[in-house]
Amino acid sequence: MSFLSPTLRLENLSTEPIMTQDHIPEDQRYNKQNIVAQWCVPINGKMYRIELEHGTTSGRRMIWVNGREVLRRDWMFKLVGEDTFHIDQIRCIIRVDPAPGFKYEYSLYIDGKSHDQYTEEMTRQYRLWLYTQDSAAETSQEYRIMLKLDTLSLYVNDELRTEESAFVHGGTDTKFLLQDTEFVLQARSSGNKHDGIVHTLLANGVAVPEAKIQEIMQEPVSILQAN
């Protein structure tokens, strides 16, 4: 005679761990307070915010890209190691290594390069401008404009633009309109081989300061919306 009710017989009990988060909607699983490391990475002209959740007591490891879950491991008894995931077909690895004082170090590798090496490489490959459009409404529009130098591909808030360039004296001008702001991307010869072509972005005739991609990549939340 069983003391278990018909719905609680041993053969009816689930063998799956009961501490998973599958039953919780994704937007509720994301908790900024649980993030232990974050990086900002431009890949193929688009900017991505990568965040790691490393639960040393729960054994849970989660990776978020722009606020979306891309990897989750529950009940990880080994708290160190590496996890692999892909962004736009680019292989990324997050490594968790032990550190003195019962702490951990977190490292990101993109396409086989450390985050620092990748940042240095991207600095040579891209030009970046940040522009905030003033508006009479309560909210203002922010634009992140990136130019990939080898292909001259132009991205605005991660979207590839197809704009025609016009030849002018000393170089080219690429004009595009965003709401009521006219942008002109100027390409001019610097006059020496070391500097090559100099790119300047104008918004309604006023030069937009170029952003330092090294600093921007260390401050992901300031330029990416938390989805």
Protein backbone atom coordinates (compact mmCIF):
# COMPACT_ATOMS: atom_id res chain seq x y z
CA MET A 1 0.00 0.00 0.00
CA SER A 2 1.44 3.32 -1.05
CA PHE A 3 1.30 6.37 1.14
CA LEU A 4 1.70 8.51 -1.98
CA SER A 5 -1.36 9.90 -3.72
CA PRO A 6 -1.93 8.70 -7.33
CA THR A 7 -0.49 11.95 -8.67
CA LEU A 8 2.59 11.73 -6.45
CA ARG A 9 3.75 8.21 -7.20
CA LEU A 10 7.50 7.85 -7.65
CA GLU A 11 7.14 7.03 -11.34
CA ASN A 12 5.26 10.32 -11.83
CA LEU A 13 7.90 12.52 -10.20
CA SER A 14 10.02 14.61 -12.55
CA THR A 15 13.69 13.74 -12.83
CA GLU A 16 14.54 17.24 -14.07
CA PRO A 17 16.13 19.80 -11.67
CA ILE A 18 13.47 21.94 -10.06
CA MET A 19 15.69 25.03 -9.85
CA THR A 20 15.67 25.85 -13.57
CA GLN A 21 14.16 29.11 -14.81
CA ASP A 22 12.34 27.71 -17.83
CA HIS A 23 8.97 28.60 -16.34
CA ILE A 24 9.97 32.26 -15.87
CA PRO A 25 9.54 34.66 -18.84
CA GLU A 26 12.83 35.89 -20.29
CA ASP A 27 12.24 39.53 -19.41
CA GLN A 28 11.72 38.51 -15.78
CA ARG A 29 14.81 36.29 -15.71
CA TYR A 30 17.00 39.27 -16.58
CA ASN A 31 18.12 40.98 -13.39
CA LYS A 32 20.76 43.70 -13.63
CA GLN A 33 21.77 43.12 -10.02
CA ASN A 34 22.90 39.58 -10.89
CA ILE A 35 25.34 40.72 -13.59
CA VAL A 36 28.97 40.25 -12.54
CA ALA A 37 30.72 41.32 -15.77
CA GLN A 38 29.79 43.22 -18.92
CA TRP A 39 31.48 44.23 -22.15
CA CYS A 40 30.60 46.28 -25.20
CA VAL A 41 31.64 44.94 -28.61
CA PRO A 42 31.15 46.14 -32.20
CA ILE A 43 30.65 43.20 -34.59
CA ASN A 44 30.01 43.73 -38.29
CA GLY A 45 29.05 47.35 -37.75
CA LYS A 46 26.61 46.64 -34.93
CA MET A 47 27.19 47.26 -31.23
CA TYR A 48 26.47 44.50 -28.74
CA ARG A 49 26.28 44.54 -24.95
CA ILE A 50 27.45 41.21 -23.47
CA GLU A 51 26.66 40.46 -19.83
CA LEU A 52 27.47 37.51 -17.60
CA GLU A 53 25.55 36.19 -14.61
CA HIS A 54 27.66 33.86 -12.44
CA GLY A 55 25.83 32.43 -9.46
CA THR A 56 28.43 31.02 -7.11
CA THR A 57 25.78 29.66 -4.74
CA SER A 58 23.11 28.62 -7.24
CA GLY A 59 25.61 27.21 -9.76
CA ARG A 60 23.79 29.07 -12.52
CA ARG A 61 25.66 30.70 -15.39
CA MET A 62 23.83 32.91 -17.89
CA ILE A 63 25.02 35.01 -20.82
CA TRP A 64 22.95 37.91 -22.14
CA VAL A 65 23.44 39.80 -25.41
CA ASN A 66 21.59 43.12 -25.62
CA GLY A 67 19.28 41.95 -22.87
CA ARG A 68 18.44 38.62 -24.54
CA GLU A 69 19.46 35.27 -23.08
CA VAL A 70 21.84 33.33 -25.36
CA LEU A 71 23.17 30.72 -22.92
CA ARG A 72 22.07 29.31 -19.56
CA ARG A 73 23.50 26.53 -17.46
CA ASP A 74 21.81 25.48 -14.23
CA TRP A 75 23.39 23.54 -11.36
CA MET A 76 27.01 24.05 -12.46
CA PHE A 77 29.09 22.29 -9.81
CA LYS A 78 32.30 23.53 -11.47
CA LEU A 79 32.29 27.30 -11.04
CA VAL A 80 35.23 27.96 -13.39
CA GLY A 81 35.69 27.20 -17.07
CA GLU A 82 34.55 28.68 -20.37
CA ASP A 83 31.36 28.98 -22.38
CA THR A 84 31.11 29.47 -26.14
CA PHE A 85 28.40 31.35 -28.03
CA HIS A 86 28.11 33.15 -31.37
CA ILE A 87 27.12 36.68 -32.36
CA ASP A 88 26.43 37.23 -36.05
CA GLN A 89 28.44 34.06 -36.82
CA ILE A 90 31.43 35.34 -34.81
CA ARG A 91 32.65 32.92 -32.13
CA CYS A 92 32.79 34.38 -28.62
CA ILE A 93 34.09 32.81 -25.41
CA ILE A 94 33.67 33.90 -21.79
CA ARG A 95 36.21 32.42 -19.39
CA VAL A 96 35.77 32.23 -15.64
CA ASP A 97 39.05 31.82 -13.75
CA PRO A 98 39.72 31.66 -10.00
CA ALA A 99 41.21 34.72 -8.33
CA PRO A 100 42.74 35.20 -4.87
CA GLY A 101 40.36 35.61 -1.96
CA PHE A 102 37.66 33.24 -3.22
CA LYS A 103 36.92 35.59 -6.10
CA TYR A 104 36.71 35.12 -9.86
CA GLU A 105 38.07 36.81 -12.97
CA TYR A 106 35.98 37.06 -16.13
CA SER A 107 37.47 37.34 -19.62
CA LEU A 108 35.84 37.77 -23.02
CA TYR A 109 37.36 36.56 -26.29
CA ILE A 110 35.97 37.55 -29.68
CA ASP A 111 37.05 35.75 -32.84
CA GLY A 112 40.08 34.34 -31.00
CA LYS A 113 41.21 37.70 -29.58
CA SER A 114 40.99 39.04 -26.06
CA HIS A 115 38.61 41.94 -25.48
CA ASP A 116 41.54 44.38 -25.23
CA GLN A 117 43.12 43.09 -28.46
CA TYR A 118 39.78 43.21 -30.22
CA THR A 119 39.17 46.77 -28.99
CA GLU A 120 42.52 47.90 -30.37
CA GLU A 121 41.77 46.26 -33.71
CA MET A 122 38.31 47.82 -33.92
CA THR A 123 39.81 51.25 -33.23
CA ARG A 124 41.74 50.92 -36.48
CA GLN A 125 38.76 49.58 -38.44
CA TYR A 126 35.96 51.95 -37.39
CA ARG A 127 35.13 55.59 -36.85
CA LEU A 128 32.37 56.37 -34.37
CA TRP A 129 30.20 59.40 -33.62
CA LEU A 130 27.44 59.86 -31.05
CA TYR A 131 24.79 62.51 -31.65
CA THR A 132 21.73 63.48 -29.62
CA GLN A 133 19.01 65.22 -31.56
CA ASP A 134 17.21 67.87 -29.53
CA SER A 135 13.48 67.60 -29.70
CA ALA A 136 10.54 69.61 -28.45
CA ALA A 137 9.13 66.38 -27.03
CA GLU A 138 10.12 65.02 -23.65
CA THR A 139 12.41 62.41 -25.20
CA SER A 140 15.33 63.13 -27.51
CA GLN A 141 16.63 60.89 -30.28
CA GLU A 142 20.14 59.45 -29.94
CA TYR A 143 22.15 58.30 -32.94
CA ARG A 144 25.21 56.08 -33.01
CA ILE A 145 26.93 56.49 -36.37
CA MET A 146 29.71 54.08 -37.30
CA LEU A 147 31.88 53.97 -40.42
CA LYS A 148 33.77 50.79 -41.33
CA LEU A 149 36.90 52.04 -43.03
CA ASP A 150 37.81 49.08 -45.25
CA THR A 151 34.37 48.85 -46.89
CA LEU A 152 33.14 52.43 -46.18
CA SER A 153 29.94 50.85 -44.84
CA LEU A 154 27.86 53.34 -42.87
CA TYR A 155 25.75 52.20 -39.92
CA VAL A 156 23.21 54.28 -37.99
CA ASN A 157 22.00 52.65 -34.76
CA ASP A 158 23.15 49.26 -36.07
CA GLU A 159 21.32 49.61 -39.40
CA LEU A 160 23.32 49.63 -42.63
CA ARG A 161 22.66 52.73 -44.74
CA THR A 162 22.95 52.88 -48.52
CA GLU A 163 23.86 56.47 -49.28
CA GLU A 164 25.40 57.95 -52.42
CA SER A 165 28.65 59.86 -52.11
CA ALA A 166 29.33 62.94 -54.19
CA PHE A 167 32.81 63.95 -55.33
CA VAL A 168 33.84 67.41 -54.17
CA HIS A 169 37.08 69.30 -54.16
CA GLY A 170 39.56 67.31 -52.07
CA GLY A 171 37.36 64.29 -51.39
CA THR A 172 33.75 63.15 -51.08
CA ASP A 173 30.59 64.13 -49.21
CA THR A 174 27.95 61.63 -48.12
CA LYS A 175 24.66 63.26 -47.16
CA PHE A 176 21.76 61.65 -45.28
CA LEU A 177 18.74 62.95 -43.42
CA LEU A 178 17.54 61.70 -40.01
CA GLN A 179 14.27 63.33 -39.03
CA ASP A 180 15.00 67.06 -39.36
CA THR A 181 18.79 66.79 -39.07
CA GLU A 182 20.97 66.78 -42.18
CA PHE A 183 24.21 64.86 -41.76
CA VAL A 184 27.22 65.17 -44.02
CA LEU A 185 30.08 62.69 -43.76
CA GLN A 186 33.14 64.34 -45.27
CA ALA A 187 36.17 62.38 -46.47
CA ARG A 188 39.23 64.50 -47.12
CA SER A 189 42.86 63.76 -47.80
CA SER A 190 45.10 64.66 -44.87
CA GLY A 191 47.98 65.44 -47.21
CA ASN A 192 50.31 62.82 -45.72
CA LYS A 193 50.57 59.04 -45.91
CA HIS A 194 50.57 58.54 -42.15
CA ASP A 195 47.12 60.02 -41.51
CA GLY A 196 45.57 59.03 -44.84
CA ILE A 197 41.91 60.03 -45.24
CA VAL A 198 40.31 62.18 -42.54
CA HIS A 199 36.58 61.67 -41.89
CA THR A 200 34.45 64.42 -40.37
CA LEU A 201 30.74 64.26 -39.54
CA LEU A 202 28.60 67.39 -39.69
CA ALA A 203 25.09 67.70 -38.25
CA ASN A 204 23.24 70.72 -39.69
CA GLY A 205 26.62 72.18 -40.54
CA VAL A 206 28.18 71.69 -37.09
CA ALA A 207 31.01 69.20 -36.58
CA VAL A 208 30.17 66.24 -34.32
CA PRO A 209 33.09 65.25 -32.06
CA GLU A 210 34.41 61.79 -32.83
CA ALA A 211 33.90 59.34 -29.96
CA LYS A 212 36.76 57.24 -28.63
CA ILE A 213 35.76 53.68 -29.30
CA GLN A 214 38.00 52.39 -26.47
CA GLU A 215 36.05 54.42 -23.91
CA ILE A 216 32.67 53.64 -25.45
CA MET A 217 33.31 49.90 -25.33
CA GLN A 218 33.90 50.13 -21.59
CA GLU A 219 30.58 51.92 -21.00
CA PRO A 220 27.99 49.75 -22.74
CA VAL A 221 24.92 50.91 -20.84
CA SER A 222 25.41 54.53 -21.88
CA ILE A 223 24.99 53.79 -25.60
CA LEU A 224 22.78 50.70 -25.63
CA GLN A 225 19.21 50.45 -24.55
CA ALA A 226 18.45 47.81 -21.93
CA ASN A 227 15.96 45.68 -23.81
